[in-house]
């Protein structure tokens, strides 16, 4: 009777179908306590997220999660603090702090703009690769082709809203003459620097700011020098915005108060009254005496 070898397995163990990948087996053996990925390729409804975001060393988990959520939303979706706080259990304070993190590291750009109706709105731009623009590379992920994409392609393209210019100082007395001089100063800036060519709308917005400088006893030449000196050598993307900033940041103080100058008294000489022909002291001929002006009969003079 044969003796059974206790050290030999009774039969060979069959590996599961999910463990046949050599790299997966190697990683599992090398790091038995680490994560093991069970990945399936996405074909629809997916968003490409870079590891620079998913593994960012300085962003909080909430900030990373919000960035992923925002990048997965369609264009035009609301991502303000109140909307996100209603969507997630975190408070508005934590949501706001996470959005500031993303803004600091370039994953969000938030600007305040004025609409055509005059309302101030916040425009939010989500950047999946901070520092790079969508038209700088050809490998930008494209949305899956399907009926929704075809409908979006036929939708009319909206013109991007023009960013509102910063506010400028306002003069105490905006007389037409003062505003006309201010407009002439702005129109002449392009002769000093061609980059300061302004549109009529920009000049109309900036003219009160220049008028506020002129009423501070500055000459048009001094204002022109303040606006054109020490300009950056780079191309000016928004010259009107730069001028608005200078008009506000470098506004000189008001001059000290001076009492108004009284006009000199008119010189008087002897003339005949046009009403009674009496001799009176008046600035010039054609003046009537007080009695004639008030309709009284002048007293006769006894000789």
C-alpha atoms as a PDB file:
ATOM      1  CA  UNK A   1       0.000   0.000   0.000  1.00  0.00           C
ATOM      2  CA  UNK A   2       1.537   3.276  -1.041  1.00  0.00           C
ATOM      3  CA  UNK A   3       2.208   5.986   1.586  1.00  0.00           C
ATOM      4  CA  UNK A   4       0.761   9.453   0.811  1.00  0.00           C
ATOM      5  CA  UNK A   5       3.296  12.325   0.846  1.00  0.00           C
ATOM      6  CA  UNK A   6       1.949  14.892   3.321  1.00  0.00           C
ATOM      7  CA  UNK A   7       4.172  17.703   1.930  1.00  0.00           C
ATOM      8  CA  UNK A   8       2.716  17.596  -1.587  1.00  0.00           C
ATOM      9  CA  UNK A   9      -0.562  19.393  -2.333  1.00  0.00           C
ATOM     10  CA  UNK A  10      -3.385  17.031  -3.189  1.00  0.00           C
ATOM     11  CA  UNK A  11      -4.063  18.983  -6.433  1.00  0.00           C
ATOM     12  CA  UNK A  12      -2.997  22.179  -8.157  1.00  0.00           C
ATOM     13  CA  UNK A  13      -4.879  25.374  -7.233  1.00  0.00           C
ATOM     14  CA  UNK A  14      -6.491  27.219 -10.158  1.00  0.00           C
ATOM     15  CA  UNK A  15      -5.969  31.036 -10.234  1.00  0.00           C
ATOM     16  CA  UNK A  16      -9.028  33.143 -10.639  1.00  0.00           C
ATOM     17  CA  UNK A  17      -9.618  34.858 -13.939  1.00  0.00           C
ATOM     18  CA  UNK A  18      -9.192  38.254 -12.315  1.00  0.00           C
ATOM     19  CA  UNK A  19      -5.647  37.483 -11.097  1.00  0.00           C
ATOM     20  CA  UNK A  20      -4.001  36.574 -14.386  1.00  0.00           C
ATOM     21  CA  UNK A  21      -2.472  40.030 -14.992  1.00  0.00           C
ATOM     22  CA  UNK A  22       1.285  39.748 -14.205  1.00  0.00           C
ATOM     23  CA  UNK A  23       1.667  43.390 -13.135  1.00  0.00           C
ATOM     24  CA  UNK A  24      -1.335  43.237 -10.844  1.00  0.00           C
ATOM     25  CA  UNK A  25       0.033  40.093  -9.187  1.00  0.00           C
ATOM     26  CA  UNK A  26       3.457  41.693  -8.782  1.00  0.00           C
ATOM     27  CA  UNK A  27       2.038  44.813  -7.167  1.00  0.00           C
ATOM     28  CA  UNK A  28      -0.147  42.755  -4.860  1.00  0.00           C
ATOM     29  CA  UNK A  29       2.854  40.694  -3.748  1.00  0.00           C
ATOM     30  CA  UNK A  30       5.139  43.703  -3.351  1.00  0.00           C
ATOM     31  CA  UNK A  31       2.629  45.898  -1.466  1.00  0.00           C
ATOM     32  CA  UNK A  32       0.104  43.554   0.091  1.00  0.00           C
ATOM     33  CA  UNK A  33      -1.385  46.358   2.235  1.00  0.00           C
ATOM     34  CA  UNK A  34      -1.637  48.990  -0.568  1.00  0.00           C
ATOM     35  CA  UNK A  35      -4.487  49.718  -2.902  1.00  0.00           C
ATOM     36  CA  UNK A  36      -5.262  47.348  -5.755  1.00  0.00           C
ATOM     37  CA  UNK A  37      -7.092  48.864  -8.725  1.00  0.00           C
ATOM     38  CA  UNK A  38      -9.952  47.072 -10.389  1.00  0.00           C
ATOM     39  CA  UNK A  39     -10.324  49.364 -13.404  1.00  0.00           C
ATOM     40  CA  UNK A  40     -12.802  49.170 -16.252  1.00  0.00           C
ATOM     41  CA  UNK A  41     -12.442  51.368 -19.315  1.00  0.00           C
ATOM     42  CA  UNK A  42     -15.041  54.148 -19.568  1.00  0.00           C
ATOM     43  CA  UNK A  43     -16.759  54.629 -22.908  1.00  0.00           C
ATOM     44  CA  UNK A  44     -19.482  57.161 -22.004  1.00  0.00           C
ATOM     45  CA  UNK A  45     -20.139  59.815 -19.363  1.00  0.00           C
ATOM     46  CA  UNK A  46     -16.593  60.303 -18.110  1.00  0.00           C
ATOM     47  CA  UNK A  47     -14.324  63.234 -17.303  1.00  0.00           C
ATOM     48  CA  UNK A  48     -10.535  63.243 -17.761  1.00  0.00           C
ATOM     49  CA  UNK A  49      -8.799  64.447 -14.567  1.00  0.00           C
ATOM     50  CA  UNK A  50      -5.052  64.986 -14.413  1.00  0.00           C
ATOM     51  CA  UNK A  51      -2.951  63.531 -11.612  1.00  0.00           C
ATOM     52  CA  UNK A  52      -1.644  67.038 -10.963  1.00  0.00           C
ATOM     53  CA  UNK A  53      -5.110  67.723  -9.534  1.00  0.00           C
ATOM     54  CA  UNK A  54      -6.019  64.317  -8.101  1.00  0.00           C
ATOM     55  CA  UNK A  55      -2.648  64.066  -6.294  1.00  0.00           C
ATOM     56  CA  UNK A  56      -2.051  67.768  -5.625  1.00  0.00           C
ATOM     57  CA  UNK A  57       0.221  68.059  -2.565  1.00  0.00           C
ATOM     58  CA  UNK A  58      -1.258  71.355  -1.282  1.00  0.00           C
ATOM     59  CA  UNK A  59      -4.978  71.173  -2.024  1.00  0.00           C
ATOM     60  CA  UNK A  60      -7.408  69.851   0.552  1.00  0.00           C
ATOM     61  CA  UNK A  61      -9.561  66.833  -0.182  1.00  0.00           C
ATOM     62  CA  UNK A  62     -12.626  69.084  -0.377  1.00  0.00           C
ATOM     63  CA  UNK A  63     -10.937  71.375  -2.898  1.00  0.00           C
ATOM     64  CA  UNK A  64      -9.888  68.422  -5.064  1.00  0.00           C
ATOM     65  CA  UNK A  65     -13.387  66.977  -4.890  1.00  0.00           C
ATOM     66  CA  UNK A  66     -14.996  70.295  -5.850  1.00  0.00           C
ATOM     67  CA  UNK A  67     -12.583  70.716  -8.761  1.00  0.00           C
ATOM     68  CA  UNK A  68     -13.474  67.255 -10.066  1.00  0.00           C
ATOM     69  CA  UNK A  69     -17.192  68.005  -9.661  1.00  0.00           C
ATOM     70  CA  UNK A  70     -16.927  71.377 -11.418  1.00  0.00           C
ATOM     71  CA  UNK A  71     -14.896  69.934 -14.314  1.00  0.00           C
ATOM     72  CA  UNK A  72     -17.580  67.294 -14.843  1.00  0.00           C
ATOM     73  CA  UNK A  73     -20.388  69.858 -15.193  1.00  0.00           C
ATOM     74  CA  UNK A  74     -21.614  71.159 -18.556  1.00  0.00           C
ATOM     75  CA  UNK A  75     -20.848  74.686 -19.661  1.00  0.00           C
ATOM     76  CA  UNK A  76     -23.231  77.171 -18.089  1.00  0.00           C
ATOM     77  CA  UNK A  77     -23.909  75.166 -14.925  1.00  0.00           C
ATOM     78  CA  UNK A  78     -24.112  77.228 -11.711  1.00  0.00           C
ATOM     79  CA  UNK A  79     -21.083  76.791  -9.431  1.00  0.00           C
ATOM     80  CA  UNK A  80     -21.626  79.605  -6.947  1.00  0.00           C
ATOM     81  CA  UNK A  81     -21.120  78.991  -3.239  1.00  0.00           C
ATOM     82  CA  UNK A  82     -24.843  78.708  -2.444  1.00  0.00           C
ATOM     83  CA  UNK A  83     -25.488  76.203  -5.231  1.00  0.00           C
ATOM     84  CA  UNK A  84     -22.530  74.016  -4.210  1.00  0.00           C
ATOM     85  CA  UNK A  85     -23.517  74.181  -0.533  1.00  0.00           C
ATOM     86  CA  UNK A  86     -26.996  72.938  -1.463  1.00  0.00           C
ATOM     87  CA  UNK A  87     -25.453  70.088  -3.434  1.00  0.00           C
ATOM     88  CA  UNK A  88     -22.922  68.917  -0.812  1.00  0.00           C
ATOM     89  CA  UNK A  89     -23.127  68.520   2.982  1.00  0.00           C
ATOM     90  CA  UNK A  90     -20.258  70.943   3.667  1.00  0.00           C
ATOM     91  CA  UNK A  91     -21.057  74.453   4.928  1.00  0.00           C
ATOM     92  CA  UNK A  92     -20.852  77.583   2.813  1.00  0.00           C
ATOM     93  CA  UNK A  93     -17.720  78.637   4.726  1.00  0.00           C
ATOM     94  CA  UNK A  94     -15.906  75.399   3.841  1.00  0.00           C
ATOM     95  CA  UNK A  95     -17.120  75.566   0.245  1.00  0.00           C
ATOM     96  CA  UNK A  96     -15.877  79.160  -0.059  1.00  0.00           C
ATOM     97  CA  UNK A  97     -12.485  78.245   1.433  1.00  0.00           C
ATOM     98  CA  UNK A  98     -12.097  75.322  -0.993  1.00  0.00           C
ATOM     99  CA  UNK A  99     -12.950  77.552  -3.965  1.00  0.00           C
ATOM    100  CA  UNK A 100     -10.317  80.035  -2.820  1.00  0.00           C
ATOM    101  CA  UNK A 101      -7.787  77.180  -2.745  1.00  0.00           C
ATOM    102  CA  UNK A 102      -8.617  76.282  -6.337  1.00  0.00           C
ATOM    103  CA  UNK A 103      -8.405  79.946  -7.338  1.00  0.00           C
ATOM    104  CA  UNK A 104      -5.001  80.293  -5.671  1.00  0.00           C
ATOM    105  CA  UNK A 105      -3.588  77.296  -7.535  1.00  0.00           C
ATOM    106  CA  UNK A 106      -5.073  78.274 -10.893  1.00  0.00           C
ATOM    107  CA  UNK A 107      -7.875  75.718 -11.210  1.00  0.00           C
ATOM    108  CA  UNK A 108     -10.520  78.474 -11.059  1.00  0.00           C
ATOM    109  CA  UNK A 109     -10.650  82.019 -12.383  1.00  0.00           C
ATOM    110  CA  UNK A 110     -13.405  84.247 -11.008  1.00  0.00           C
ATOM    111  CA  UNK A 111     -13.977  87.761 -12.366  1.00  0.00           C
ATOM    112  CA  UNK A 112     -16.755  90.284 -11.793  1.00  0.00           C
ATOM    113  CA  UNK A 113     -18.306  91.650 -14.984  1.00  0.00           C
ATOM    114  CA  UNK A 114     -21.069  94.055 -15.855  1.00  0.00           C
ATOM    115  CA  UNK A 115     -23.801  92.787 -18.182  1.00  0.00           C
ATOM    116  CA  UNK A 116     -25.508  94.870 -20.854  1.00  0.00           C
ATOM    117  CA  UNK A 117     -28.334  95.592 -18.404  1.00  0.00           C
ATOM    118  CA  UNK A 118     -25.833  96.998 -15.883  1.00  0.00           C
ATOM    119  CA  UNK A 119     -25.997  94.066 -13.465  1.00  0.00           C
ATOM    120  CA  UNK A 120     -22.730  92.876 -11.853  1.00  0.00           C
ATOM    121  CA  UNK A 121     -22.210  89.092 -12.195  1.00  0.00           C
ATOM    122  CA  UNK A 122     -19.357  86.721 -11.313  1.00  0.00           C
ATOM    123  CA  UNK A 123     -17.895  84.749 -14.207  1.00  0.00           C
ATOM    124  CA  UNK A 124     -16.211  81.461 -13.237  1.00  0.00           C
ATOM    125  CA  UNK A 125     -13.751  79.660 -15.539  1.00  0.00           C
ATOM    126  CA  UNK A 126     -12.652  76.105 -14.674  1.00  0.00           C
ATOM    127  CA  UNK A 127      -9.105  75.207 -15.814  1.00  0.00           C
ATOM    128  CA  UNK A 128      -8.259  71.512 -16.091  1.00  0.00           C
ATOM    129  CA  UNK A 129      -4.573  72.404 -16.655  1.00  0.00           C
ATOM    130  CA  UNK A 130      -3.584  75.679 -14.940  1.00  0.00           C
ATOM    131  CA  UNK A 131      -1.273  77.802 -17.020  1.00  0.00           C
ATOM    132  CA  UNK A 132      -2.436  76.366 -20.330  1.00  0.00           C
ATOM    133  CA  UNK A 133      -5.293  77.471 -22.561  1.00  0.00           C
ATOM    134  CA  UNK A 134      -7.681  75.301 -24.521  1.00  0.00           C
ATOM    135  CA  UNK A 135      -6.338  76.558 -27.868  1.00  0.00           C
ATOM    136  CA  UNK A 136      -2.673  75.949 -26.947  1.00  0.00           C
ATOM    137  CA  UNK A 137      -2.775  72.206 -27.628  1.00  0.00           C
ATOM    138  CA  UNK A 138      -4.551  69.851 -29.961  1.00  0.00           C
ATOM    139  CA  UNK A 139      -4.860  66.976 -27.488  1.00  0.00           C
ATOM    140  CA  UNK A 140      -7.673  68.569 -25.476  1.00  0.00           C
ATOM    141  CA  UNK A 141     -10.225  65.864 -24.609  1.00  0.00           C
ATOM    142  CA  UNK A 142     -13.260  66.121 -26.859  1.00  0.00           C
ATOM    143  CA  UNK A 143     -16.789  65.292 -25.659  1.00  0.00           C
ATOM    144  CA  UNK A 144     -18.250  62.033 -26.975  1.00  0.00           C
ATOM    145  CA  UNK A 145     -20.029  62.389 -30.276  1.00  0.00           C
ATOM    146  CA  UNK A 146     -23.761  61.851 -29.999  1.00  0.00           C
ATOM    147  CA  UNK A 147     -27.100  63.573 -30.427  1.00  0.00           C
ATOM    148  CA  UNK A 148     -26.494  66.084 -27.565  1.00  0.00           C
ATOM    149  CA  UNK A 149     -23.150  67.088 -29.083  1.00  0.00           C
ATOM    150  CA  UNK A 150     -24.722  67.568 -32.516  1.00  0.00           C
ATOM    151  CA  UNK A 151     -27.450  69.734 -31.025  1.00  0.00           C
ATOM    152  CA  UNK A 152     -24.835  71.826 -29.218  1.00  0.00           C
ATOM    153  CA  UNK A 153     -22.903  72.311 -32.454  1.00  0.00           C
ATOM    154  CA  UNK A 154     -25.926  73.849 -34.140  1.00  0.00           C
ATOM    155  CA  UNK A 155     -26.668  76.233 -31.254  1.00  0.00           C
ATOM    156  CA  UNK A 156     -25.875  79.911 -31.946  1.00  0.00           C
ATOM    157  CA  UNK A 157     -22.548  81.093 -30.600  1.00  0.00           C
ATOM    158  CA  UNK A 158     -22.825  83.733 -27.899  1.00  0.00           C
ATOM    159  CA  UNK A 159     -20.467  86.672 -28.003  1.00  0.00           C
ATOM    160  CA  UNK A 160     -18.377  86.794 -24.812  1.00  0.00           C
ATOM    161  CA  UNK A 161     -19.333  89.642 -22.513  1.00  0.00           C
ATOM    162  CA  UNK A 162     -16.951  92.597 -22.477  1.00  0.00           C
ATOM    163  CA  UNK A 163     -15.276  93.071 -19.139  1.00  0.00           C
ATOM    164  CA  UNK A 164     -16.310  96.286 -17.434  1.00  0.00           C
ATOM    165  CA  UNK A 165     -13.677  98.950 -16.883  1.00  0.00           C
ATOM    166  CA  UNK A 166     -12.720  99.885 -13.318  1.00  0.00           C
ATOM    167  CA  UNK A 167     -14.452 102.903 -11.837  1.00  0.00           C
ATOM    168  CA  UNK A 168     -12.708 106.284 -12.098  1.00  0.00           C
ATOM    169  CA  UNK A 169     -12.828 109.371  -9.833  1.00  0.00           C
ATOM    170  CA  UNK A 170     -15.656 111.823 -10.401  1.00  0.00           C
ATOM    171  CA  UNK A 171     -15.212 115.605 -10.477  1.00  0.00           C
ATOM    172  CA  UNK A 172     -17.029 117.832  -8.016  1.00  0.00           C
ATOM    173  CA  UNK A 173     -18.405 119.988 -10.848  1.00  0.00           C
ATOM    174  CA  UNK A 174     -18.590 118.179 -14.198  1.00  0.00           C
ATOM    175  CA  UNK A 175     -18.966 121.212 -16.443  1.00  0.00           C
ATOM    176  CA  UNK A 176     -19.187 120.605 -20.211  1.00  0.00           C
ATOM    177  CA  UNK A 177     -16.040 122.651 -20.754  1.00  0.00           C
ATOM    178  CA  UNK A 178     -14.081 120.560 -18.235  1.00  0.00           C
ATOM    179  CA  UNK A 179     -15.264 117.275 -19.764  1.00  0.00           C
ATOM    180  CA  UNK A 180     -14.419 118.512 -23.253  1.00  0.00           C
ATOM    181  CA  UNK A 181     -10.869 119.321 -22.137  1.00  0.00           C
ATOM    182  CA  UNK A 182     -10.598 115.894 -20.494  1.00  0.00           C
ATOM    183  CA  UNK A 183     -11.749 114.186 -23.703  1.00  0.00           C
ATOM    184  CA  UNK A 184      -9.155 116.102 -25.699  1.00  0.00           C
ATOM    185  CA  UNK A 185      -6.451 114.958 -23.274  1.00  0.00           C
ATOM    186  CA  UNK A 186      -7.484 111.314 -23.750  1.00  0.00           C
ATOM    187  CA  UNK A 187      -7.651 111.665 -27.537  1.00  0.00           C
ATOM    188  CA  UNK A 188      -4.107 113.028 -27.592  1.00  0.00           C
ATOM    189  CA  UNK A 189      -2.561 110.145 -25.633  1.00  0.00           C
ATOM    190  CA  UNK A 190      -2.078 108.069 -28.797  1.00  0.00           C
ATOM    191  CA  UNK A 191       0.309 110.706 -30.116  1.00  0.00           C
ATOM    192  CA  UNK A 192       2.583 109.997 -27.147  1.00  0.00           C
ATOM    193  CA  UNK A 193       2.135 106.205 -27.247  1.00  0.00           C
ATOM    194  CA  UNK A 194       0.210 104.520 -30.117  1.00  0.00           C
ATOM    195  CA  UNK A 195      -0.812 101.734 -27.728  1.00  0.00           C
ATOM    196  CA  UNK A 196      -3.114 104.215 -25.945  1.00  0.00           C
ATOM    197  CA  UNK A 197      -5.591 104.399 -28.812  1.00  0.00           C
ATOM    198  CA  UNK A 198      -9.012 104.509 -27.113  1.00  0.00           C
ATOM    199  CA  UNK A 199     -12.501 103.890 -28.380  1.00  0.00           C
ATOM    200  CA  UNK A 200     -15.228 106.492 -27.966  1.00  0.00           C
ATOM    201  CA  UNK A 201     -16.849 104.342 -25.252  1.00  0.00           C
ATOM    202  CA  UNK A 202     -13.592 104.063 -23.310  1.00  0.00           C
ATOM    203  CA  UNK A 203     -12.939 107.807 -23.594  1.00  0.00           C
ATOM    204  CA  UNK A 204     -16.452 108.565 -22.336  1.00  0.00           C
ATOM    205  CA  UNK A 205     -15.850 106.320 -19.312  1.00  0.00           C
ATOM    206  CA  UNK A 206     -12.432 107.833 -18.518  1.00  0.00           C
ATOM    207  CA  UNK A 207     -13.259 111.520 -19.137  1.00  0.00           C
ATOM    208  CA  UNK A 208     -14.736 112.175 -15.643  1.00  0.00           C
ATOM    209  CA  UNK A 209     -11.551 110.761 -14.091  1.00  0.00           C
ATOM    210  CA  UNK A 210      -9.385 113.158 -16.113  1.00  0.00           C
ATOM    211  CA  UNK A 211     -11.753 116.007 -15.202  1.00  0.00           C
ATOM    212  CA  UNK A 212     -11.232 115.162 -11.520  1.00  0.00           C
ATOM    213  CA  UNK A 213      -7.492 115.684 -12.068  1.00  0.00           C
ATOM    214  CA  UNK A 214      -7.968 118.943 -13.968  1.00  0.00           C
ATOM    215  CA  UNK A 215     -10.086 120.472 -11.193  1.00  0.00           C
ATOM    216  CA  UNK A 216      -7.141 119.866  -8.839  1.00  0.00           C
ATOM    217  CA  UNK A 217      -5.197 122.653 -10.574  1.00  0.00           C
ATOM    218  CA  UNK A 218      -3.297 120.302 -12.909  1.00  0.00           C
ATOM    219  CA  UNK A 219      -2.684 121.356 -16.482  1.00  0.00           C
ATOM    220  CA  UNK A 220      -3.614 119.059 -19.385  1.00  0.00           C
ATOM    221  CA  UNK A 221       0.110 118.560 -20.035  1.00  0.00           C
ATOM    222  CA  UNK A 222       0.686 117.390 -16.458  1.00  0.00           C
ATOM    223  CA  UNK A 223      -2.215 114.940 -16.659  1.00  0.00           C
ATOM    224  CA  UNK A 224      -0.969 113.612 -20.000  1.00  0.00           C
ATOM    225  CA  UNK A 225       2.515 113.069 -18.542  1.00  0.00           C
ATOM    226  CA  UNK A 226       1.114 111.202 -15.506  1.00  0.00           C
ATOM    227  CA  UNK A 227      -0.883 108.832 -17.726  1.00  0.00           C
ATOM    228  CA  UNK A 228       1.859 108.073 -20.274  1.00  0.00           C
ATOM    229  CA  UNK A 229       5.065 107.951 -18.208  1.00  0.00           C
ATOM    230  CA  UNK A 230       6.687 104.649 -17.150  1.00  0.00           C
ATOM    231  CA  UNK A 231       4.342 102.440 -19.157  1.00  0.00           C
ATOM    232  CA  UNK A 232       5.268  98.718 -19.290  1.00  0.00           C
ATOM    233  CA  UNK A 233       7.169  97.678 -22.440  1.00  0.00           C
ATOM    234  CA  UNK A 234       4.851  94.727 -23.082  1.00  0.00           C
ATOM    235  CA  UNK A 235       1.776  95.027 -25.339  1.00  0.00           C
ATOM    236  CA  UNK A 236      -1.154  96.609 -23.527  1.00  0.00           C
ATOM    237  CA  UNK A 237      -4.118  94.212 -23.673  1.00  0.00           C
ATOM    238  CA  UNK A 238      -6.550  96.709 -22.115  1.00  0.00           C
ATOM    239  CA  UNK A 239      -5.097 100.243 -22.227  1.00  0.00           C
ATOM    240  CA  UNK A 240      -8.343 101.753 -20.951  1.00  0.00           C
ATOM    241  CA  UNK A 241      -8.220  99.565 -17.834  1.00  0.00           C
ATOM    242  CA  UNK A 242      -4.608 100.649 -17.201  1.00  0.00           C
ATOM    243  CA  UNK A 243      -5.548 104.321 -17.518  1.00  0.00           C
ATOM    244  CA  UNK A 244      -8.533 103.843 -15.195  1.00  0.00           C
ATOM    245  CA  UNK A 245      -6.219 102.308 -12.596  1.00  0.00           C
ATOM    246  CA  UNK A 246      -3.760 105.206 -12.848  1.00  0.00           C
ATOM    247  CA  UNK A 247      -6.491 107.815 -12.621  1.00  0.00           C
ATOM    248  CA  UNK A 248      -7.670 106.229  -9.371  1.00  0.00           C
ATOM    249  CA  UNK A 249      -4.404 105.132  -7.748  1.00  0.00           C
ATOM    250  CA  UNK A 250      -2.433 108.329  -8.511  1.00  0.00           C
ATOM    251  CA  UNK A 251      -5.205 110.888  -7.956  1.00  0.00           C
ATOM    252  CA  UNK A 252      -3.581 114.005  -6.423  1.00  0.00           C
ATOM    253  CA  UNK A 253      -5.147 115.687  -3.387  1.00  0.00           C
ATOM    254  CA  UNK A 254      -7.463 118.638  -3.674  1.00  0.00           C
ATOM    255  CA  UNK A 255      -5.746 122.033  -3.520  1.00  0.00           C
ATOM    256  CA  UNK A 256      -6.143 124.063  -0.319  1.00  0.00           C
ATOM    257  CA  UNK A 257      -9.327 126.114  -0.097  1.00  0.00           C
ATOM    258  CA  UNK A 258      -8.978 129.696  -1.269  1.00  0.00           C
ATOM    259  CA  UNK A 259     -11.676 132.342  -0.862  1.00  0.00           C
ATOM    260  CA  UNK A 260     -13.161 133.586  -4.119  1.00  0.00           C
ATOM    261  CA  UNK A 261     -11.615 136.750  -5.492  1.00  0.00           C
ATOM    262  CA  UNK A 262     -13.975 139.723  -5.333  1.00  0.00           C
ATOM    263  CA  UNK A 263     -14.258 141.636  -8.605  1.00  0.00           C
ATOM    264  CA  UNK A 264     -12.769 145.131  -8.453  1.00  0.00           C
ATOM    265  CA  UNK A 265     -15.314 147.931  -8.004  1.00  0.00           C
ATOM    266  CA  UNK A 266     -16.343 149.705 -11.170  1.00  0.00           C
ATOM    267  CA  UNK A 267     -14.873 153.155 -11.688  1.00  0.00           C
ATOM    268  CA  UNK A 268     -17.523 155.872 -11.371  1.00  0.00           C
ATOM    269  CA  UNK A 269     -17.696 159.100 -13.325  1.00  0.00           C
ATOM    270  CA  UNK A 270     -20.212 161.977 -13.717  1.00  0.00           C
ATOM    271  CA  UNK A 271     -22.934 161.437 -16.340  1.00  0.00           C
ATOM    272  CA  UNK A 272     -26.437 162.774 -16.986  1.00  0.00           C
ATOM    273  CA  UNK A 273     -29.395 160.593 -16.022  1.00  0.00           C
ATOM    274  CA  UNK A 274     -31.249 159.328 -19.058  1.00  0.00           C
ATOM    275  CA  UNK A 275     -34.592 159.967 -17.296  1.00  0.00           C
ATOM    276  CA  UNK A 276     -34.324 163.395 -15.705  1.00  0.00           C
ATOM    277  CA  UNK A 277     -31.043 164.659 -17.132  1.00  0.00           C
ATOM    278  CA  UNK A 278     -29.627 165.216 -13.651  1.00  0.00           C
ATOM    279  CA  UNK A 279     -25.941 164.812 -13.147  1.00  0.00           C
ATOM    280  CA  UNK A 280     -25.144 161.519 -11.366  1.00  0.00           C
ATOM    281  CA  UNK A 281     -22.068 159.397 -10.653  1.00  0.00           C
ATOM    282  CA  UNK A 282     -22.311 156.182 -12.675  1.00  0.00           C
ATOM    283  CA  UNK A 283     -20.012 153.628 -14.335  1.00  0.00           C
ATOM    284  CA  UNK A 284     -20.900 154.999 -17.778  1.00  0.00           C
ATOM    285  CA  UNK A 285     -23.483 156.759 -19.887  1.00  0.00           C
ATOM    286  CA  UNK A 286     -26.954 155.289 -20.296  1.00  0.00           C
ATOM    287  CA  UNK A 287     -27.536 154.973 -16.518  1.00  0.00           C
ATOM    288  CA  UNK A 288     -30.627 156.286 -14.761  1.00  0.00           C
ATOM    289  CA  UNK A 289     -30.727 157.716 -11.284  1.00  0.00           C
ATOM    290  CA  UNK A 290     -32.406 155.950  -8.379  1.00  0.00           C
ATOM    291  CA  UNK A 291     -35.542 158.128  -8.517  1.00  0.00           C
ATOM    292  CA  UNK A 292     -36.085 157.315 -12.183  1.00  0.00           C
ATOM    293  CA  UNK A 293     -35.432 153.630 -11.628  1.00  0.00           C
ATOM    294  CA  UNK A 294     -37.984 153.506  -8.814  1.00  0.00           C
ATOM    295  CA  UNK A 295     -40.573 155.699 -10.685  1.00  0.00           C
ATOM    296  CA  UNK A 296     -40.386 158.673  -8.360  1.00  0.00           C
ATOM    297  CA  UNK A 297     -40.421 162.327  -9.425  1.00  0.00           C
ATOM    298  CA  UNK A 298     -37.028 163.848  -8.855  1.00  0.00           C
ATOM    299  CA  UNK A 299     -36.963 166.744  -6.413  1.00  0.00           C
ATOM    300  CA  UNK A 300     -36.487 170.144  -8.051  1.00  0.00           C
ATOM    301  CA  UNK A 301     -33.371 172.017  -7.197  1.00  0.00           C
ATOM    302  CA  UNK A 302     -33.865 175.677  -6.126  1.00  0.00           C
ATOM    303  CA  UNK A 303     -31.303 178.066  -7.579  1.00  0.00           C
END
